[in-house]
Structure formats: C-alpha cells, structure tokens
Amino acid sequence: GPALHRAIVPPGASAPMGIDDRQASMKWQVGDVTITKIVELEVNGGTRFLMPQATREEVQKIDWLVPHFADEDGRLTLSIHALVVVTPEKRIVVDTCLGNDKQGRRIPHWNERQGRFLEDMREAGFPPETIDTVLCTHLHVDHVGWNTRLVDGQWVPTFPNAQYLFGRVEYEHWSRQTAREDMITVLGDSVQPIFDNGLAELVEWDHRITPEVRLIPSTGHTPGHTSVVIESRGERAMITGDIAHHPCQIARPEWSTLADVDPAAGIETRKRLLGELAGEPILVIGTHFSGPTAGHVIADGDAWRLVVDERNQPG
C-alpha cells in the first residue's frame, strides 16, 4: 500500500528532515502523487458539542478506535490539518484550517490564533508562494481560515500565486444566507478577499483539477460539500472532507454532527460512500482524523471499520 514516511524530503534536499513530537507533517504516496498532512491543531475530548451521540460509553463499544482515534475512557481525538497534494503538474492545498488572527469564531480558542502552521508548511517544503491551487471541500470556518492572513490590517491571500477553487453550489448557498452571523464573518475575512484579489474560481462538484485529482459530490454536511479522489498508476485515495468528522462515524454512520446542514443526507452519503469503499484498495484520508489519519475501509457487521496499516505508521 501507499507508504507513510516519517520524514518529508523537499525537492533538492539530500537528507530527510525530521519532524518534531507533534508530528507536524506526515506523507503518503499514491502512484505519482504525494499527499502531505500539515497539522494545525489536535484535540482530545471536548467533542460532545459536535457529536452528541458519541458519548464515552458508546465510543468505548468501538474497540478499534483505541489508541489512534480515542482513548480508553472513550474520549475522541480530532485533528485540524491541511493536505498538500503534489501531482506531476500541481501543488494543491486541500482545506486551509482555522488561520491566525481571526475573530468572531464560535469556539473561543479558534479566535486570535497565533499558530505555527505556515512555518510548518515551509519546513515540510511548501512555502506559500509555491502553491498553485487551493481547494476548499466546503466553506466552514476550519476549512478556509488560512485562505487569508492579516497584513497591515488587511486580509490578503496567503497563497498569492494560487487559484482558489470553491464549489459553486456551496458558495451560492453561504453567500446568500443571512441567518448565521458566524458564517457571514468567515466569508468576509477568509473567502471574499480571494474574490477581491481575482484569485477565486467557482467549480462544479465533479470538477477535475488534474488528470489525477477530481472532486466528487458528497453533500449533507453542507449543501455543496465535495470529497477528493486521487488516482495515479493504478493506486487510489480519497480525501473525505467532512462526510465523517471522526472514524467513529465509519462504525456508526447514523451518528451526525450538529454542524450538518442536512443530517439525513449526510447519513445517506456516508452509507453510500462507505459501501463503495469497503474492501477496495483505496486509501481513505480523513480530513479531521487524528494520528495515522488514513486507512482502508472494510465491512464490519452491519457497518464498517477503518483499518490502519501499522507497518506504515511512524514508530
């Protein structure tokens, strides 16, 4: 299967660069494509606001979640990270996390962040100016934040040479709604400046970015939500987006998050995609899955489980 490397070797580097204890980055190979995870934030516990059905008692019944995705006490671990997809032609950032200096976020510690994300990207070999495509699977706060950064009091594109791809259905939904003040704020500081600078492109939800990378519709969490399929030299991977926030939803696809715009559609999408993925040699890379983050889906009774390839895990 696609190997997961402990170290990232930037183009032209002679020796692997180590990564620190936070495992700021991790890498997978899919044919001619590499996918690198850059972590902004990983949290253990405090997830009940997101998934009320995932009580500690219920989580403890899903034994395969321990140790990577939950602890023995049934507390879930979640990660916020970006995935840098490098194809022979393009450097694509999929989802841009929370960002620094943002205000008006619903979750207190998401405000005024002063994180190392851009430094970690640089150290992994991806200076912002070398990125040519940014893709947001959807437009929630923790997927668009680093689209922009604060410079002299102005929100400017973090990736000045990139074309930013937003789903047309997704953008039209959120730019028209007036009920959620928080989303108006998020679009104002992290999406609108991209349009103002002429870097935005609205795409359909089956858009193909390169010969290896294409979008597939996976709605429910949001009206225009997409997932990303990567295919190269007979190897395949899928970046989930938020069809599942946590691997517990692979075992319990009927568990929804309070952030889902249409929970019933979300459950349908999960069951359909998990059914299609089960038993296939497709590396599933979770947009919020912590630790190893990736694995293969197999059938497990009436539902499914994520099998992490231990051989490919950082030691």
C-alpha atoms as a PDB file:
ATOM      1  CA  GLY A   1       0.000   0.000   0.000  1.00  0.00           C
ATOM      2  CA  PRO A   2       0.976   3.650  -0.176  1.00  0.00           C
ATOM      3  CA  ALA A   3       3.826   4.130   2.249  1.00  0.00           C
ATOM      4  CA  LEU A   4       3.691   6.648   5.043  1.00  0.00           C
ATOM      5  CA  HIS A   5       7.046   8.303   5.608  1.00  0.00           C
ATOM      6  CA  ARG A   6       8.324   9.655   8.872  1.00  0.00           C
ATOM      7  CA  ALA A   7      10.164  12.488   7.189  1.00  0.00           C
ATOM      8  CA  ILE A   8       9.494  14.853   4.333  1.00  0.00           C
ATOM      9  CA  VAL A   9      12.218  15.436   1.770  1.00  0.00           C
ATOM     10  CA  PRO A  10      11.710  18.704  -0.110  1.00  0.00           C
ATOM     11  CA  PRO A  11      12.796  18.827  -3.765  1.00  0.00           C
ATOM     12  CA  GLY A  12      16.571  19.083  -3.915  1.00  0.00           C
ATOM     13  CA  ALA A  13      17.125  18.135  -0.283  1.00  0.00           C
ATOM     14  CA  SER A  14      19.752  15.482   0.293  1.00  0.00           C
ATOM     15  CA  ALA A  15      18.779  14.265   3.774  1.00  0.00           C
ATOM     16  CA  PRO A  16      15.358  13.642   5.321  1.00  0.00           C
ATOM     17  CA  MET A  17      14.154  16.365   7.661  1.00  0.00           C
ATOM     18  CA  GLY A  18      12.952  15.037  10.988  1.00  0.00           C
ATOM     19  CA  ILE A  19       9.617  16.100  12.378  1.00  0.00           C
ATOM     20  CA  ASP A  20       9.005  17.077  15.963  1.00  0.00           C
ATOM     21  CA  ASP A  21       6.909  15.281  18.572  1.00  0.00           C
ATOM     22  CA  ARG A  22       3.740  16.980  17.394  1.00  0.00           C
ATOM     23  CA  GLN A  23       4.149  15.125  14.108  1.00  0.00           C
ATOM     24  CA  ALA A  24       3.542  18.351  12.274  1.00  0.00           C
ATOM     25  CA  SER A  25       3.636  16.514   8.964  1.00  0.00           C
ATOM     26  CA  MET A  26       3.099  13.036   7.521  1.00  0.00           C
ATOM     27  CA  LYS A  27       3.228  11.828   3.939  1.00  0.00           C
ATOM     28  CA  TRP A  28       1.596   9.220   1.708  1.00  0.00           C
ATOM     29  CA  GLN A  29       2.421   8.167  -1.844  1.00  0.00           C
ATOM     30  CA  VAL A  30      -0.318   7.325  -4.373  1.00  0.00           C
ATOM     31  CA  GLY A  31       1.292   6.497  -7.715  1.00  0.00           C
ATOM     32  CA  ASP A  32       2.986   9.695  -8.898  1.00  0.00           C
ATOM     33  CA  VAL A  33       1.123  11.816  -6.321  1.00  0.00           C
ATOM     34  CA  THR A  34       2.235  12.630  -2.777  1.00  0.00           C
ATOM     35  CA  ILE A  35      -0.154  13.760  -0.060  1.00  0.00           C
ATOM     36  CA  THR A  36       1.324  15.523   2.973  1.00  0.00           C
ATOM     37  CA  LYS A  37      -0.603  16.289   6.158  1.00  0.00           C
ATOM     38  CA  ILE A  38       0.242  19.562   7.908  1.00  0.00           C
ATOM     39  CA  VAL A  39      -1.349  19.713  11.371  1.00  0.00           C
ATOM     40  CA  GLU A  40      -2.687  22.959  12.793  1.00  0.00           C
ATOM     41  CA  LEU A  41      -4.373  21.618  15.930  1.00  0.00           C
ATOM     42  CA  GLU A  42      -5.134  18.253  17.555  1.00  0.00           C
ATOM     43  CA  VAL A  43      -7.566  17.987  20.484  1.00  0.00           C
ATOM     44  CA  ASN A  44      -8.588  15.156  22.783  1.00  0.00           C
ATOM     45  CA  GLY A  45     -12.046  15.277  24.334  1.00  0.00           C
ATOM     46  CA  GLY A  46     -14.461  18.198  24.264  1.00  0.00           C
ATOM     47  CA  THR A  47     -16.151  16.840  21.143  1.00  0.00           C
ATOM     48  CA  ARG A  48     -19.671  16.433  22.540  1.00  0.00           C
ATOM     49  CA  PHE A  49     -20.658  19.837  21.160  1.00  0.00           C
ATOM     50  CA  LEU A  50     -20.014  18.354  17.725  1.00  0.00           C
ATOM     51  CA  MET A  51     -21.325  14.771  18.034  1.00  0.00           C
ATOM     52  CA  PRO A  52     -23.810  14.400  20.888  1.00  0.00           C
ATOM     53  CA  GLN A  53     -24.418  10.693  20.148  1.00  0.00           C
ATOM     54  CA  ALA A  54     -20.734   9.914  20.686  1.00  0.00           C
ATOM     55  CA  THR A  55     -20.955   9.555  24.460  1.00  0.00           C
ATOM     56  CA  ARG A  56     -17.959   7.999  26.184  1.00  0.00           C
ATOM     57  CA  GLU A  57     -19.988   4.835  26.858  1.00  0.00           C
ATOM     58  CA  GLU A  58     -20.948   4.472  23.195  1.00  0.00           C
ATOM     59  CA  VAL A  59     -17.439   5.256  21.948  1.00  0.00           C
ATOM     60  CA  GLN A  60     -15.942   2.619  24.273  1.00  0.00           C
ATOM     61  CA  LYS A  61     -18.014  -0.029  22.451  1.00  0.00           C
ATOM     62  CA  ILE A  62     -15.985   0.642  19.259  1.00  0.00           C
ATOM     63  CA  ASP A  63     -12.771  -1.004  20.398  1.00  0.00           C
ATOM     64  CA  TRP A  64     -10.759  -0.391  17.223  1.00  0.00           C
ATOM     65  CA  LEU A  65     -10.783   3.373  17.824  1.00  0.00           C
ATOM     66  CA  VAL A  66      -8.134   2.927  20.552  1.00  0.00           C
ATOM     67  CA  PRO A  67      -5.320   4.080  20.566  1.00  0.00           C
ATOM     68  CA  HIS A  68      -5.229   6.296  17.472  1.00  0.00           C
ATOM     69  CA  PHE A  69      -8.685   7.880  17.452  1.00  0.00           C
ATOM     70  CA  ALA A  70      -9.943   7.643  21.052  1.00  0.00           C
ATOM     71  CA  ASP A  71      -8.537   6.919  24.486  1.00  0.00           C
ATOM     72  CA  GLU A  72      -9.547   4.089  26.840  1.00  0.00           C
ATOM     73  CA  ASP A  73     -12.039   6.439  28.538  1.00  0.00           C
ATOM     74  CA  GLY A  74     -13.961   6.986  25.299  1.00  0.00           C
ATOM     75  CA  ARG A  75     -12.684  10.500  24.669  1.00  0.00           C
ATOM     76  CA  LEU A  76     -12.358  11.231  20.944  1.00  0.00           C
ATOM     77  CA  THR A  77      -9.320  12.832  19.349  1.00  0.00           C
ATOM     78  CA  LEU A  78      -9.862  15.211  16.444  1.00  0.00           C
ATOM     79  CA  SER A  79      -7.346  16.934  14.206  1.00  0.00           C
ATOM     80  CA  ILE A  80      -7.493  20.075  12.109  1.00  0.00           C
ATOM     81  CA  HIS A  81      -4.983  19.789   9.279  1.00  0.00           C
ATOM     82  CA  ALA A  82      -4.395  20.667   5.656  1.00  0.00           C
ATOM     83  CA  LEU A  83      -3.439  18.144   2.995  1.00  0.00           C
ATOM     84  CA  VAL A  84      -0.926  19.191   0.344  1.00  0.00           C
ATOM     85  CA  VAL A  85      -1.434  17.133  -2.808  1.00  0.00           C
ATOM     86  CA  VAL A  86       1.531  17.248  -5.191  1.00  0.00           C
ATOM     87  CA  THR A  87       0.959  15.903  -8.705  1.00  0.00           C
ATOM     88  CA  PRO A  88       3.441  15.994 -11.602  1.00  0.00           C
ATOM     89  CA  GLU A  89       1.968  19.406 -12.557  1.00  0.00           C
ATOM     90  CA  LYS A  90       0.434  20.988  -9.485  1.00  0.00           C
ATOM     91  CA  ARG A  91       0.784  21.725  -5.775  1.00  0.00           C
ATOM     92  CA  ILE A  92      -2.725  21.689  -4.318  1.00  0.00           C
ATOM     93  CA  VAL A  93      -3.682  22.556  -0.733  1.00  0.00           C
ATOM     94  CA  VAL A  94      -6.936  20.832   0.259  1.00  0.00           C
ATOM     95  CA  ASP A  95      -8.670  22.771   3.078  1.00  0.00           C
ATOM     96  CA  THR A  96      -6.863  25.529   4.937  1.00  0.00           C
ATOM     97  CA  CYS A  97      -7.780  25.031   8.602  1.00  0.00           C
ATOM     98  CA  LEU A  98      -8.535  27.883  11.041  1.00  0.00           C
ATOM     99  CA  GLY A  99      -5.921  30.548  10.353  1.00  0.00           C
ATOM    100  CA  ASN A 100      -4.292  33.081  12.649  1.00  0.00           C
ATOM    101  CA  ASP A 101      -5.728  36.372  13.936  1.00  0.00           C
ATOM    102  CA  LYS A 102      -9.356  35.535  13.040  1.00  0.00           C
ATOM    103  CA  GLN A 103     -12.202  36.976  15.114  1.00  0.00           C
ATOM    104  CA  GLY A 104     -15.877  36.228  15.678  1.00  0.00           C
ATOM    105  CA  ARG A 105     -15.425  32.439  15.773  1.00  0.00           C
ATOM    106  CA  ARG A 106     -17.988  30.398  17.691  1.00  0.00           C
ATOM    107  CA  ILE A 107     -15.358  28.358  19.536  1.00  0.00           C
ATOM    108  CA  PRO A 108     -13.284  30.560  21.856  1.00  0.00           C
ATOM    109  CA  HIS A 109      -9.797  29.117  21.262  1.00  0.00           C
ATOM    110  CA  TRP A 110     -10.320  29.441  17.489  1.00  0.00           C
ATOM    111  CA  ASN A 111     -10.174  33.238  17.847  1.00  0.00           C
ATOM    112  CA  GLU A 112      -6.962  35.276  17.553  1.00  0.00           C
ATOM    113  CA  ARG A 113      -4.854  32.158  16.998  1.00  0.00           C
ATOM    114  CA  GLN A 114      -1.085  32.584  16.753  1.00  0.00           C
ATOM    115  CA  GLY A 115      -0.097  29.172  15.440  1.00  0.00           C
ATOM    116  CA  ARG A 116       2.955  27.841  13.558  1.00  0.00           C
ATOM    117  CA  PHE A 117       1.031  26.461  10.604  1.00  0.00           C
ATOM    118  CA  LEU A 118       2.803  28.454   7.866  1.00  0.00           C
ATOM    119  CA  GLU A 119       6.214  27.711   9.398  1.00  0.00           C
ATOM    120  CA  ASP A 120       5.330  24.017   9.491  1.00  0.00           C
ATOM    121  CA  MET A 121       4.298  24.200   5.821  1.00  0.00           C
ATOM    122  CA  ARG A 122       7.605  25.838   4.928  1.00  0.00           C
ATOM    123  CA  GLU A 123       9.588  23.268   6.910  1.00  0.00           C
ATOM    124  CA  ALA A 124       7.758  20.474   5.077  1.00  0.00           C
ATOM    125  CA  GLY A 125       8.923  22.003   1.788  1.00  0.00           C
ATOM    126  CA  PHE A 126       5.824  24.002   0.869  1.00  0.00           C
ATOM    127  CA  PRO A 127       6.384  27.769   1.068  1.00  0.00           C
ATOM    128  CA  PRO A 128       3.025  29.514   0.417  1.00  0.00           C
ATOM    129  CA  GLU A 129       4.216  31.107  -2.838  1.00  0.00           C
ATOM    130  CA  THR A 130       4.908  27.641  -4.325  1.00  0.00           C
ATOM    131  CA  ILE A 131       1.246  26.563  -4.048  1.00  0.00           C
ATOM    132  CA  ASP A 132      -0.690  26.918  -7.297  1.00  0.00           C
ATOM    133  CA  THR A 133      -4.121  25.589  -6.298  1.00  0.00           C
ATOM    134  CA  VAL A 134      -6.203  25.836  -3.121  1.00  0.00           C
ATOM    135  CA  LEU A 135      -9.325  23.705  -2.852  1.00  0.00           C
ATOM    136  CA  CYS A 136     -11.935  24.018  -0.092  1.00  0.00           C
ATOM    137  CA  THR A 137     -14.130  20.898   0.226  1.00  0.00           C
ATOM    138  CA  HIS A 138     -16.705  23.232   1.797  1.00  0.00           C
ATOM    139  CA  LEU A 139     -16.734  26.692   3.356  1.00  0.00           C
ATOM    140  CA  HIS A 140     -16.876  26.042   7.109  1.00  0.00           C
ATOM    141  CA  VAL A 141     -14.615  28.030   9.426  1.00  0.00           C
ATOM    142  CA  ASP A 142     -11.973  25.295   9.895  1.00  0.00           C
ATOM    143  CA  HIS A 143     -11.562  24.681   6.148  1.00  0.00           C
ATOM    144  CA  VAL A 144     -10.981  28.215   4.870  1.00  0.00           C
ATOM    145  CA  GLY A 145      -9.017  30.047   7.579  1.00  0.00           C
ATOM    146  CA  TRP A 146      -5.557  30.102   6.019  1.00  0.00           C
ATOM    147  CA  ASN A 147      -7.006  31.233   2.687  1.00  0.00           C
ATOM    148  CA  THR A 148      -6.033  34.650   4.021  1.00  0.00           C
ATOM    149  CA  ARG A 149      -3.641  36.181   6.520  1.00  0.00           C
ATOM    150  CA  LEU A 150      -3.568  39.564   8.210  1.00  0.00           C
ATOM    151  CA  VAL A 151      -1.021  42.015   6.773  1.00  0.00           C
ATOM    152  CA  ASP A 152      -1.098  45.669   7.894  1.00  0.00           C
ATOM    153  CA  GLY A 153      -4.724  45.331   8.975  1.00  0.00           C
ATOM    154  CA  GLN A 154      -5.867  43.799   5.657  1.00  0.00           C
ATOM    155  CA  TRP A 155      -6.827  40.209   4.857  1.00  0.00           C
ATOM    156  CA  VAL A 156      -4.616  39.169   1.932  1.00  0.00           C
ATOM    157  CA  PRO A 157      -4.381  35.809   0.130  1.00  0.00           C
ATOM    158  CA  THR A 158      -1.926  33.537   1.953  1.00  0.00           C
ATOM    159  CA  PHE A 159      -1.116  31.741  -1.314  1.00  0.00           C
ATOM    160  CA  PRO A 160      -0.602  34.654  -3.718  1.00  0.00           C
ATOM    161  CA  ASN A 161       0.147  32.512  -6.787  1.00  0.00           C
ATOM    162  CA  ALA A 162      -2.727  30.080  -6.320  1.00  0.00           C
ATOM    163  CA  GLN A 163      -6.074  29.725  -7.989  1.00  0.00           C
ATOM    164  CA  TYR A 164      -8.611  29.113  -5.218  1.00  0.00           C
ATOM    165  CA  LEU A 165     -11.383  26.655  -6.116  1.00  0.00           C
ATOM    166  CA  PHE A 166     -14.726  26.958  -4.342  1.00  0.00           C
ATOM    167  CA  GLY A 167     -17.764  24.839  -5.129  1.00  0.00           C
ATOM    168  CA  ARG A 168     -20.343  26.951  -6.916  1.00  0.00           C
ATOM    169  CA  VAL A 169     -23.318  25.310  -5.124  1.00  0.00           C
ATOM    170  CA  GLU A 170     -21.529  25.725  -1.791  1.00  0.00           C
ATOM    171  CA  TYR A 171     -20.572  29.349  -2.358  1.00  0.00           C
ATOM    172  CA  GLU A 172     -24.031  30.330  -3.615  1.00  0.00           C
ATOM    173  CA  HIS A 173     -25.639  28.790  -0.521  1.00  0.00           C
ATOM    174  CA  TRP A 174     -23.458  30.503   2.083  1.00  0.00           C
ATOM    175  CA  SER A 175     -23.156  33.853   0.305  1.00  0.00           C
ATOM    176  CA  ARG A 176     -26.952  34.169   0.165  1.00  0.00           C
ATOM    177  CA  GLN A 177     -27.832  33.048   3.692  1.00  0.00           C
ATOM    178  CA  THR A 178     -28.358  35.687   6.384  1.00  0.00           C
ATOM    179  CA  ALA A 179     -29.297  33.553   9.404  1.00  0.00           C
ATOM    180  CA  ARG A 180     -25.782  32.616  10.534  1.00  0.00           C
ATOM    181  CA  GLU A 181     -23.779  35.652  11.563  1.00  0.00           C
ATOM    182  CA  ASP A 182     -20.708  33.480  12.147  1.00  0.00           C
ATOM    183  CA  MET A 183     -20.696  32.317   8.518  1.00  0.00           C
ATOM    184  CA  ILE A 184     -21.026  35.904   7.279  1.00  0.00           C
ATOM    185  CA  THR A 185     -17.907  36.739   9.312  1.00  0.00           C
ATOM    186  CA  VAL A 186     -15.996  33.700   7.984  1.00  0.00           C
ATOM    187  CA  LEU A 187     -16.825  34.505   4.365  1.00  0.00           C
ATOM    188  CA  GLY A 188     -15.895  38.135   4.967  1.00  0.00           C
ATOM    189  CA  ASP A 189     -12.373  37.503   6.240  1.00  0.00           C
ATOM    190  CA  SER A 190     -11.467  34.215   4.517  1.00  0.00           C
ATOM    191  CA  VAL A 191     -13.391  33.976   1.212  1.00  0.00           C
ATOM    192  CA  GLN A 192     -14.389  37.435  -0.053  1.00  0.00           C
ATOM    193  CA  PRO A 193     -10.779  38.747  -0.106  1.00  0.00           C
ATOM    194  CA  ILE A 194      -9.931  35.909  -2.507  1.00  0.00           C
ATOM    195  CA  PHE A 195     -12.621  37.164  -4.909  1.00  0.00           C
ATOM    196  CA  ASP A 196     -11.478  40.763  -4.381  1.00  0.00           C
ATOM    197  CA  ASN A 197      -7.962  39.763  -5.443  1.00  0.00           C
ATOM    198  CA  GLY A 198      -9.204  37.933  -8.547  1.00  0.00           C
ATOM    199  CA  LEU A 199      -7.957  34.504  -7.394  1.00  0.00           C
ATOM    200  CA  ALA A 200     -11.303  32.705  -6.935  1.00  0.00           C
ATOM    201  CA  GLU A 201     -12.864  30.229  -9.340  1.00  0.00           C
ATOM    202  CA  LEU A 202     -16.274  28.648  -8.771  1.00  0.00           C
ATOM    203  CA  VAL A 203     -16.314  24.995  -9.867  1.00  0.00           C
ATOM    204  CA  GLU A 204     -18.916  22.260 -10.193  1.00  0.00           C
ATOM    205  CA  TRP A 205     -18.851  19.448  -7.666  1.00  0.00           C
ATOM    206  CA  ASP A 206     -17.477  16.887 -10.149  1.00  0.00           C
ATOM    207  CA  HIS A 207     -14.661  19.204 -11.290  1.00  0.00           C
ATOM    208  CA  ARG A 208     -11.373  17.621 -12.401  1.00  0.00           C
ATOM    209  CA  ILE A 209      -8.328  19.581 -11.211  1.00  0.00           C
ATOM    210  CA  THR A 210      -5.584  17.467 -12.824  1.00  0.00           C
ATOM    211  CA  PRO A 211      -5.565  14.086 -14.606  1.00  0.00           C
ATOM    212  CA  GLU A 212      -5.050  12.517 -11.153  1.00  0.00           C
ATOM    213  CA  VAL A 213      -7.282  14.678  -8.927  1.00  0.00           C
ATOM    214  CA  ARG A 214     -11.027  15.192  -9.160  1.00  0.00           C
ATOM    215  CA  LEU A 215     -13.966  16.142  -6.968  1.00  0.00           C
ATOM    216  CA  ILE A 216     -16.994  14.015  -6.177  1.00  0.00           C
ATOM    217  CA  PRO A 217     -20.222  15.330  -4.634  1.00  0.00           C
ATOM    218  CA  SER A 218     -20.752  14.255  -1.005  1.00  0.00           C
ATOM    219  CA  THR A 219     -23.473  16.517   0.312  1.00  0.00           C
ATOM    220  CA  GLY A 220     -25.269  16.557   3.651  1.00  0.00           C
ATOM    221  CA  HIS A 221     -22.719  18.200   5.916  1.00  0.00           C
ATOM    222  CA  THR A 222     -23.140  21.253   3.682  1.00  0.00           C
ATOM    223  CA  PRO A 223     -25.224  21.751   0.510  1.00  0.00           C
ATOM    224  CA  GLY A 224     -22.265  21.741  -1.890  1.00  0.00           C
ATOM    225  CA  HIS A 225     -19.800  19.563   0.013  1.00  0.00           C
ATOM    226  CA  THR A 226     -17.259  17.642  -2.053  1.00  0.00           C
ATOM    227  CA  SER A 227     -14.674  14.931  -1.413  1.00  0.00           C
ATOM    228  CA  VAL A 228     -11.462  14.494  -3.395  1.00  0.00           C
ATOM    229  CA  VAL A 229     -10.485  11.389  -5.368  1.00  0.00           C
ATOM    230  CA  ILE A 230      -6.849  10.806  -6.322  1.00  0.00           C
ATOM    231  CA  GLU A 231      -5.905   8.160  -8.921  1.00  0.00           C
ATOM    232  CA  SER A 232      -2.420   7.539 -10.264  1.00  0.00           C
ATOM    233  CA  ARG A 233      -0.690   4.464 -11.701  1.00  0.00           C
ATOM    234  CA  GLY A 234      -3.493   2.189 -10.531  1.00  0.00           C
ATOM    235  CA  GLU A 235      -3.369   3.452  -6.929  1.00  0.00           C
ATOM    236  CA  ARG A 236      -6.285   5.346  -5.401  1.00  0.00           C
ATOM    237  CA  ALA A 237      -7.001   7.558  -2.424  1.00  0.00           C
ATOM    238  CA  MET A 238      -9.909   9.657  -1.214  1.00  0.00           C
ATOM    239  CA  ILE A 239      -9.795  12.757   0.985  1.00  0.00           C
ATOM    240  CA  THR A 240     -13.045  12.695   2.927  1.00  0.00           C
ATOM    241  CA  GLY A 241     -13.763  16.301   3.752  1.00  0.00           C
ATOM    242  CA  ASP A 242     -16.405  16.296   6.485  1.00  0.00           C
ATOM    243  CA  ILE A 243     -18.547  13.352   5.334  1.00  0.00           C
ATOM    244  CA  ALA A 244     -17.174  11.914   8.595  1.00  0.00           C
ATOM    245  CA  HIS A 245     -15.539  14.119  11.209  1.00  0.00           C
ATOM    246  CA  HIS A 246     -14.246  11.122  13.111  1.00  0.00           C
ATOM    247  CA  PRO A 247     -13.685   7.413  12.355  1.00  0.00           C
ATOM    248  CA  CYS A 248     -16.426   6.548  14.891  1.00  0.00           C
ATOM    249  CA  GLN A 249     -18.866   7.563  12.129  1.00  0.00           C
ATOM    250  CA  ILE A 250     -17.487   4.732   9.985  1.00  0.00           C
ATOM    251  CA  ALA A 251     -18.677   2.302  12.681  1.00  0.00           C
ATOM    252  CA  ARG A 252     -21.804   4.380  13.359  1.00  0.00           C
ATOM    253  CA  PRO A 253     -22.760   6.111  10.092  1.00  0.00           C
ATOM    254  CA  GLU A 254     -26.074   7.137  11.672  1.00  0.00           C
ATOM    255  CA  TRP A 255     -24.219   9.468  14.064  1.00  0.00           C
ATOM    256  CA  SER A 256     -24.463  13.032  12.791  1.00  0.00           C
ATOM    257  CA  THR A 257     -22.719  16.200  13.830  1.00  0.00           C
ATOM    258  CA  LEU A 258     -24.544  19.331  14.932  1.00  0.00           C
ATOM    259  CA  ALA A 259     -22.721  21.127  12.113  1.00  0.00           C
ATOM    260  CA  ASP A 260     -24.534  19.074   9.448  1.00  0.00           C
ATOM    261  CA  VAL A 261     -26.909  21.221   7.376  1.00  0.00           C
ATOM    262  CA  ASP A 262     -28.907  18.142   6.284  1.00  0.00           C
ATOM    263  CA  PRO A 263     -28.192  15.241   8.694  1.00  0.00           C
ATOM    264  CA  ALA A 264     -30.350  12.727   6.782  1.00  0.00           C
ATOM    265  CA  ALA A 265     -28.484  13.439   3.539  1.00  0.00           C
ATOM    266  CA  GLY A 266     -25.212  13.159   5.448  1.00  0.00           C
ATOM    267  CA  ILE A 267     -26.131   9.680   6.712  1.00  0.00           C
ATOM    268  CA  GLU A 268     -27.106   8.652   3.165  1.00  0.00           C
ATOM    269  CA  THR A 269     -23.790   9.960   1.789  1.00  0.00           C
ATOM    270  CA  ARG A 270     -21.789   8.118   4.475  1.00  0.00           C
ATOM    271  CA  LYS A 271     -23.551   4.808   3.887  1.00  0.00           C
ATOM    272  CA  ARG A 272     -23.235   5.106   0.107  1.00  0.00           C
ATOM    273  CA  LEU A 273     -19.557   6.050   0.100  1.00  0.00           C
ATOM    274  CA  LEU A 274     -18.564   3.568   2.831  1.00  0.00           C
ATOM    275  CA  GLY A 275     -20.343   0.831   0.874  1.00  0.00           C
ATOM    276  CA  GLU A 276     -18.388   1.797  -2.244  1.00  0.00           C
ATOM    277  CA  LEU A 277     -15.058   1.995  -0.368  1.00  0.00           C
ATOM    278  CA  ALA A 278     -15.422  -1.227   1.622  1.00  0.00           C
ATOM    279  CA  GLY A 279     -12.890  -3.856   0.621  1.00  0.00           C
ATOM    280  CA  GLU A 280     -11.404  -1.677  -2.108  1.00  0.00           C
ATOM    281  CA  PRO A 281      -7.679  -0.835  -2.110  1.00  0.00           C
ATOM    282  CA  ILE A 282      -8.461   2.860  -1.668  1.00  0.00           C
ATOM    283  CA  LEU A 283      -6.506   4.830   0.943  1.00  0.00           C
ATOM    284  CA  VAL A 284      -9.086   6.877   2.863  1.00  0.00           C
ATOM    285  CA  ILE A 285      -7.551  10.049   4.307  1.00  0.00           C
ATOM    286  CA  GLY A 286      -9.730  11.704   6.930  1.00  0.00           C
ATOM    287  CA  THR A 287      -9.828  15.487   6.946  1.00  0.00           C
ATOM    288  CA  HIS A 288     -10.227  15.509  10.747  1.00  0.00           C
ATOM    289  CA  PHE A 289      -8.887  12.029  11.576  1.00  0.00           C
ATOM    290  CA  SER A 290      -6.080  12.237  14.127  1.00  0.00           C
ATOM    291  CA  GLY A 291      -2.837  10.289  14.410  1.00  0.00           C
ATOM    292  CA  PRO A 292      -2.349   7.976  11.423  1.00  0.00           C
ATOM    293  CA  THR A 293      -5.277   9.750   9.678  1.00  0.00           C
ATOM    294  CA  ALA A 294      -5.526   7.216   6.839  1.00  0.00           C
ATOM    295  CA  GLY A 295      -6.512   3.607   6.319  1.00  0.00           C
ATOM    296  CA  HIS A 296      -8.732   1.235   4.370  1.00  0.00           C
ATOM    297  CA  VAL A 297     -12.451   0.715   4.930  1.00  0.00           C
ATOM    298  CA  ILE A 298     -13.674  -2.853   5.458  1.00  0.00           C
ATOM    299  CA  ALA A 299     -17.129  -4.245   6.219  1.00  0.00           C
ATOM    300  CA  ASP A 300     -17.735  -4.941   9.920  1.00  0.00           C
ATOM    301  CA  GLY A 301     -21.119  -6.476  10.758  1.00  0.00           C
ATOM    302  CA  ASP A 302     -23.823  -4.039   9.656  1.00  0.00           C
ATOM    303  CA  ALA A 303     -21.327  -1.192   9.347  1.00  0.00           C
ATOM    304  CA  TRP A 304     -17.655  -0.627   8.617  1.00  0.00           C
ATOM    305  CA  ARG A 305     -14.279  -0.047  10.219  1.00  0.00           C
ATOM    306  CA  LEU A 306     -11.090   1.771   9.279  1.00  0.00           C
ATOM    307  CA  VAL A 307      -8.015  -0.452   9.189  1.00  0.00           C
ATOM    308  CA  VAL A 308      -4.777   1.406   9.773  1.00  0.00           C
ATOM    309  CA  ASP A 309      -1.707  -0.242   8.233  1.00  0.00           C
ATOM    310  CA  GLU A 310       0.520  -0.457  11.305  1.00  0.00           C
ATOM    311  CA  ARG A 311       3.611  -1.174   9.214  1.00  0.00           C
ATOM    312  CA  ASN A 312       3.360   2.259   7.684  1.00  0.00           C
ATOM    313  CA  GLN A 313       2.921   4.146  10.932  1.00  0.00           C
ATOM    314  CA  PRO A 314       5.560   6.434  12.353  1.00  0.00           C
ATOM    315  CA  GLY A 315       7.404   4.487  15.048  1.00  0.00           C
END
